[in-house]
N, C-alpha and C. Protein backbone atom coordinates (compact mmCIF):
# COMPACT_ATOMS: atom_id res chain seq x y z
N MET A 1 -17.75 16.14 -19.43
CA MET A 1 -16.35 16.42 -19.17
C MET A 1 -15.63 15.09 -18.90
N ALA A 2 -14.56 14.85 -19.59
CA ALA A 2 -13.81 13.60 -19.46
C ALA A 2 -12.92 13.63 -18.21
N VAL A 3 -12.81 12.48 -17.59
CA VAL A 3 -11.94 12.35 -16.43
C VAL A 3 -10.50 12.24 -16.95
N ASN A 4 -9.57 12.83 -16.25
CA ASN A 4 -8.17 12.81 -16.62
C ASN A 4 -7.61 11.39 -16.45
N PRO A 5 -7.36 10.64 -17.54
CA PRO A 5 -6.89 9.25 -17.41
C PRO A 5 -5.59 9.10 -16.62
N PRO A 6 -4.58 9.95 -16.81
CA PRO A 6 -3.37 9.77 -15.99
C PRO A 6 -3.65 9.98 -14.50
N LEU A 7 -4.52 10.91 -14.17
CA LEU A 7 -4.86 11.14 -12.78
C LEU A 7 -5.59 9.93 -12.20
N SER A 8 -6.54 9.38 -12.94
CA SER A 8 -7.26 8.19 -12.49
C SER A 8 -6.31 7.01 -12.31
N SER A 9 -5.39 6.86 -13.24
CA SER A 9 -4.41 5.78 -13.16
C SER A 9 -3.53 5.95 -11.92
N GLY A 10 -3.12 7.16 -11.65
CA GLY A 10 -2.29 7.43 -10.48
C GLY A 10 -3.02 7.15 -9.18
N VAL A 11 -4.29 7.53 -9.12
CA VAL A 11 -5.09 7.29 -7.91
C VAL A 11 -5.31 5.80 -7.71
N GLN A 12 -5.60 5.07 -8.78
CA GLN A 12 -5.79 3.62 -8.66
C GLN A 12 -4.49 2.94 -8.21
N GLY A 13 -3.37 3.37 -8.78
CA GLY A 13 -2.08 2.80 -8.38
C GLY A 13 -1.78 3.09 -6.92
N LEU A 14 -2.10 4.29 -6.48
CA LEU A 14 -1.88 4.68 -5.09
C LEU A 14 -2.73 3.83 -4.15
N GLU A 15 -4.00 3.67 -4.48
CA GLU A 15 -4.89 2.87 -3.64
C GLU A 15 -4.42 1.41 -3.57
N ARG A 16 -4.01 0.85 -4.70
CA ARG A 16 -3.55 -0.53 -4.73
C ARG A 16 -2.27 -0.70 -3.91
N ALA A 17 -1.32 0.22 -4.09
CA ALA A 17 -0.06 0.13 -3.37
C ALA A 17 -0.26 0.30 -1.86
N LEU A 18 -1.13 1.21 -1.46
CA LEU A 18 -1.40 1.40 -0.03
C LEU A 18 -2.07 0.17 0.58
N SER A 19 -2.97 -0.45 -0.17
CA SER A 19 -3.63 -1.66 0.30
C SER A 19 -2.61 -2.78 0.51
N GLN A 20 -1.71 -2.96 -0.44
CA GLN A 20 -0.70 -3.99 -0.35
C GLN A 20 0.30 -3.67 0.76
N PHE A 21 0.62 -2.40 0.92
CA PHE A 21 1.53 -1.96 2.00
C PHE A 21 0.92 -2.30 3.35
N ASP A 22 -0.37 -2.00 3.51
CA ASP A 22 -1.06 -2.30 4.77
C ASP A 22 -1.08 -3.80 5.05
N ALA A 23 -1.31 -4.61 4.01
CA ALA A 23 -1.34 -6.06 4.19
C ALA A 23 0.02 -6.59 4.63
N ALA A 24 1.09 -6.09 4.02
CA ALA A 24 2.45 -6.53 4.41
C ALA A 24 2.76 -6.08 5.83
N ALA A 25 2.37 -4.86 6.18
CA ALA A 25 2.61 -4.37 7.54
C ALA A 25 1.82 -5.20 8.56
N ALA A 26 0.60 -5.59 8.20
CA ALA A 26 -0.21 -6.41 9.10
C ALA A 26 0.42 -7.78 9.30
N ARG A 27 1.01 -8.35 8.24
CA ARG A 27 1.69 -9.64 8.39
C ARG A 27 2.86 -9.53 9.34
N ILE A 28 3.60 -8.42 9.25
CA ILE A 28 4.74 -8.22 10.15
C ILE A 28 4.25 -8.00 11.57
N ALA A 29 3.26 -7.13 11.73
CA ALA A 29 2.72 -6.84 13.06
C ALA A 29 2.08 -8.08 13.67
N GLY A 30 1.46 -8.90 12.87
CA GLY A 30 0.83 -10.11 13.35
C GLY A 30 1.84 -11.10 13.91
N ALA A 31 3.06 -11.04 13.42
CA ALA A 31 4.10 -11.93 13.92
C ALA A 31 4.47 -11.59 15.35
N ARG A 32 4.34 -10.34 15.71
CA ARG A 32 4.74 -9.90 17.04
C ARG A 32 3.57 -9.80 18.00
N SER A 33 2.35 -9.57 17.48
CA SER A 33 1.23 -9.33 18.39
C SER A 33 0.05 -10.26 18.11
N SER A 34 0.29 -11.43 17.55
CA SER A 34 -0.82 -12.31 17.24
C SER A 34 -1.45 -12.89 18.51
N THR A 35 -0.68 -13.01 19.58
CA THR A 35 -1.24 -13.43 20.85
C THR A 35 -0.71 -12.53 21.95
N ASP A 36 -1.53 -12.31 22.97
CA ASP A 36 -1.08 -11.49 24.10
C ASP A 36 -0.51 -12.40 25.19
N ALA A 37 -0.22 -11.86 26.33
CA ALA A 37 0.42 -12.62 27.41
C ALA A 37 -0.45 -13.79 27.86
N ALA A 38 -1.76 -13.67 27.78
CA ALA A 38 -2.66 -14.74 28.20
C ALA A 38 -2.90 -15.76 27.09
N GLY A 39 -2.29 -15.53 25.91
CA GLY A 39 -2.45 -16.46 24.80
C GLY A 39 -3.68 -16.21 23.95
N ARG A 40 -4.37 -15.09 24.18
CA ARG A 40 -5.55 -14.78 23.38
C ARG A 40 -5.14 -14.10 22.09
N SER A 41 -5.94 -14.27 21.05
CA SER A 41 -5.67 -13.61 19.78
C SER A 41 -5.91 -12.13 19.91
N ASP A 42 -5.14 -11.34 19.17
CA ASP A 42 -5.29 -9.89 19.13
C ASP A 42 -6.48 -9.55 18.25
N ALA A 43 -7.52 -8.96 18.82
CA ALA A 43 -8.75 -8.67 18.09
C ALA A 43 -8.58 -7.51 17.12
N THR A 44 -7.51 -6.73 17.22
CA THR A 44 -7.34 -5.58 16.34
C THR A 44 -6.60 -5.91 15.06
N ASP A 45 -6.15 -7.16 14.89
CA ASP A 45 -5.46 -7.53 13.66
C ASP A 45 -6.41 -7.41 12.49
N GLN A 46 -5.91 -6.90 11.38
CA GLN A 46 -6.71 -6.80 10.18
C GLN A 46 -6.33 -7.95 9.26
N ALA A 47 -7.30 -8.42 8.51
CA ALA A 47 -7.04 -9.50 7.57
C ALA A 47 -6.18 -8.98 6.43
N PRO A 48 -5.30 -9.80 5.86
CA PRO A 48 -4.50 -9.37 4.71
C PRO A 48 -5.40 -9.05 3.52
N ALA A 49 -4.88 -8.26 2.60
CA ALA A 49 -5.62 -7.89 1.41
C ALA A 49 -5.95 -9.14 0.60
N PRO A 50 -7.08 -9.16 -0.11
CA PRO A 50 -7.46 -10.35 -0.85
C PRO A 50 -6.47 -10.72 -1.95
N GLU A 51 -5.67 -9.77 -2.43
CA GLU A 51 -4.73 -10.06 -3.50
C GLU A 51 -3.66 -11.05 -3.04
N ARG A 52 -3.37 -11.06 -1.74
CA ARG A 52 -2.28 -11.87 -1.25
C ARG A 52 -2.58 -12.37 0.15
N PRO A 53 -3.50 -13.30 0.29
CA PRO A 53 -3.81 -13.78 1.63
C PRO A 53 -2.65 -14.56 2.22
N ALA A 54 -2.32 -14.25 3.46
CA ALA A 54 -1.23 -14.96 4.11
C ALA A 54 -1.40 -14.85 5.61
N PRO A 55 -1.03 -15.88 6.34
CA PRO A 55 -1.08 -15.79 7.79
C PRO A 55 0.06 -14.91 8.30
N ALA A 56 -0.01 -14.59 9.57
CA ALA A 56 1.05 -13.79 10.17
C ALA A 56 2.37 -14.55 10.09
N ALA A 57 3.43 -13.83 9.80
CA ALA A 57 4.75 -14.45 9.67
C ALA A 57 5.39 -14.63 11.04
N GLU A 58 6.12 -15.69 11.20
CA GLU A 58 6.87 -15.91 12.44
C GLU A 58 8.05 -14.95 12.46
N PRO A 59 8.38 -14.39 13.64
CA PRO A 59 9.52 -13.48 13.72
C PRO A 59 10.80 -14.15 13.21
N GLY A 60 11.51 -13.48 12.32
CA GLY A 60 12.76 -13.98 11.78
C GLY A 60 12.60 -15.01 10.68
N SER A 61 11.38 -15.30 10.28
CA SER A 61 11.14 -16.31 9.26
C SER A 61 11.30 -15.72 7.86
N ALA A 62 11.34 -16.61 6.88
CA ALA A 62 11.44 -16.16 5.49
C ALA A 62 10.22 -15.33 5.10
N GLU A 63 9.04 -15.68 5.66
CA GLU A 63 7.83 -14.92 5.36
C GLU A 63 7.92 -13.49 5.88
N GLN A 64 8.52 -13.33 7.06
CA GLN A 64 8.67 -11.99 7.61
C GLN A 64 9.68 -11.19 6.79
N VAL A 65 10.75 -11.82 6.37
CA VAL A 65 11.74 -11.13 5.53
C VAL A 65 11.08 -10.71 4.21
N GLU A 66 10.27 -11.61 3.66
CA GLU A 66 9.56 -11.27 2.42
C GLU A 66 8.61 -10.10 2.64
N ALA A 67 7.92 -10.09 3.78
CA ALA A 67 6.99 -9.00 4.08
C ALA A 67 7.75 -7.67 4.23
N LEU A 68 8.92 -7.72 4.85
CA LEU A 68 9.73 -6.50 4.98
C LEU A 68 10.18 -5.99 3.62
N ALA A 69 10.59 -6.90 2.76
CA ALA A 69 11.00 -6.50 1.41
C ALA A 69 9.79 -5.94 0.65
N SER A 70 8.63 -6.55 0.86
CA SER A 70 7.41 -6.06 0.22
C SER A 70 7.09 -4.64 0.66
N LEU A 71 7.32 -4.34 1.93
CA LEU A 71 7.08 -2.97 2.42
C LEU A 71 7.89 -1.96 1.62
N GLN A 72 9.14 -2.28 1.37
CA GLN A 72 9.98 -1.36 0.59
C GLN A 72 9.47 -1.24 -0.84
N LEU A 73 9.08 -2.36 -1.43
CA LEU A 73 8.55 -2.34 -2.79
C LEU A 73 7.29 -1.49 -2.87
N TYR A 74 6.36 -1.71 -1.94
CA TYR A 74 5.10 -0.98 -1.98
C TYR A 74 5.30 0.50 -1.65
N ALA A 75 6.29 0.81 -0.83
CA ALA A 75 6.59 2.22 -0.56
C ALA A 75 7.05 2.91 -1.85
N ARG A 76 7.85 2.21 -2.65
CA ARG A 76 8.27 2.77 -3.95
C ARG A 76 7.09 2.92 -4.89
N GLU A 77 6.16 1.96 -4.85
CA GLU A 77 4.97 2.07 -5.69
C GLU A 77 4.12 3.27 -5.29
N VAL A 78 4.03 3.54 -3.98
CA VAL A 78 3.29 4.71 -3.51
C VAL A 78 3.97 5.98 -4.01
N GLN A 79 5.30 6.02 -3.94
CA GLN A 79 6.03 7.19 -4.44
C GLN A 79 5.81 7.39 -5.94
N ALA A 80 5.85 6.30 -6.70
CA ALA A 80 5.66 6.40 -8.15
C ALA A 80 4.24 6.86 -8.49
N ALA A 81 3.24 6.31 -7.82
CA ALA A 81 1.86 6.72 -8.08
C ALA A 81 1.65 8.18 -7.69
N SER A 82 2.28 8.60 -6.61
CA SER A 82 2.17 10.00 -6.19
C SER A 82 2.79 10.93 -7.24
N LYS A 83 3.89 10.50 -7.82
CA LYS A 83 4.54 11.29 -8.86
C LYS A 83 3.65 11.38 -10.10
N VAL A 84 2.96 10.29 -10.45
CA VAL A 84 2.02 10.31 -11.57
C VAL A 84 0.91 11.32 -11.30
N ILE A 85 0.39 11.33 -10.08
CA ILE A 85 -0.68 12.27 -9.72
C ILE A 85 -0.16 13.71 -9.80
N GLU A 86 1.02 13.95 -9.27
CA GLU A 86 1.61 15.30 -9.32
C GLU A 86 1.80 15.76 -10.75
N THR A 87 2.31 14.87 -11.60
CA THR A 87 2.56 15.23 -13.00
C THR A 87 1.25 15.50 -13.73
N ALA A 88 0.23 14.68 -13.50
CA ALA A 88 -1.07 14.90 -14.13
C ALA A 88 -1.66 16.23 -13.68
N ASP A 89 -1.52 16.54 -12.41
CA ASP A 89 -2.03 17.82 -11.89
C ASP A 89 -1.29 19.00 -12.52
N ALA A 90 0.03 18.88 -12.61
CA ALA A 90 0.82 19.97 -13.21
C ALA A 90 0.48 20.14 -14.68
N THR A 91 0.25 19.04 -15.38
CA THR A 91 -0.08 19.11 -16.80
C THR A 91 -1.43 19.80 -17.00
N VAL A 92 -2.42 19.41 -16.21
CA VAL A 92 -3.73 20.04 -16.32
C VAL A 92 -3.62 21.53 -15.98
N GLY A 93 -2.87 21.85 -14.94
CA GLY A 93 -2.67 23.26 -14.57
C GLY A 93 -2.01 24.05 -15.68
N PHE A 94 -1.01 23.46 -16.32
CA PHE A 94 -0.33 24.12 -17.43
C PHE A 94 -1.28 24.34 -18.59
N LEU A 95 -2.08 23.33 -18.92
CA LEU A 95 -3.03 23.46 -20.02
C LEU A 95 -4.08 24.52 -19.73
N LEU A 96 -4.53 24.58 -18.48
CA LEU A 96 -5.51 25.61 -18.12
C LEU A 96 -4.90 27.00 -18.19
N ASP A 97 -3.65 27.13 -17.74
CA ASP A 97 -2.96 28.43 -17.82
C ASP A 97 -2.75 28.84 -19.27
N THR A 98 -2.45 27.88 -20.13
CA THR A 98 -2.23 28.16 -21.55
C THR A 98 -3.51 28.60 -22.21
N ARG A 99 -4.61 27.96 -21.89
CA ARG A 99 -5.89 28.28 -22.50
C ARG A 99 -6.46 29.60 -21.98
N ALA A 100 -6.06 30.03 -20.82
CA ALA A 100 -6.64 31.24 -20.21
C ALA A 100 -6.07 32.50 -20.78
C-alpha cells in the first residue's frame, strides 16, 4: 500500500515549521531568561534548531526583532502545512466514499 504523498509532505512541512518556530521562540525567551538574578545560566534553555544556530537575542535588538518576525512566518507555515494535511485527508475520504 502506497503512502499518501500529499499527506507525507504536509506532515514533513508541519514538523519542519514547528521545529523552526520552537527555535525562534527559544531565541526570544533566551533574551529574557538567559541568566537568573544570581547570574547563572538558565539550565532549561533549549539549543536552537540545527538549521539556524543562533545565540539568544538581546532584548530590543535586531536579532530579537528578526526572531519575532520569524515566529509569524513559521506560524503561517504551520497553518499551510495543516491545510495540506486536511486537504489530503478529505481527498482520501472522498475517494474511499466514491469507491464504496
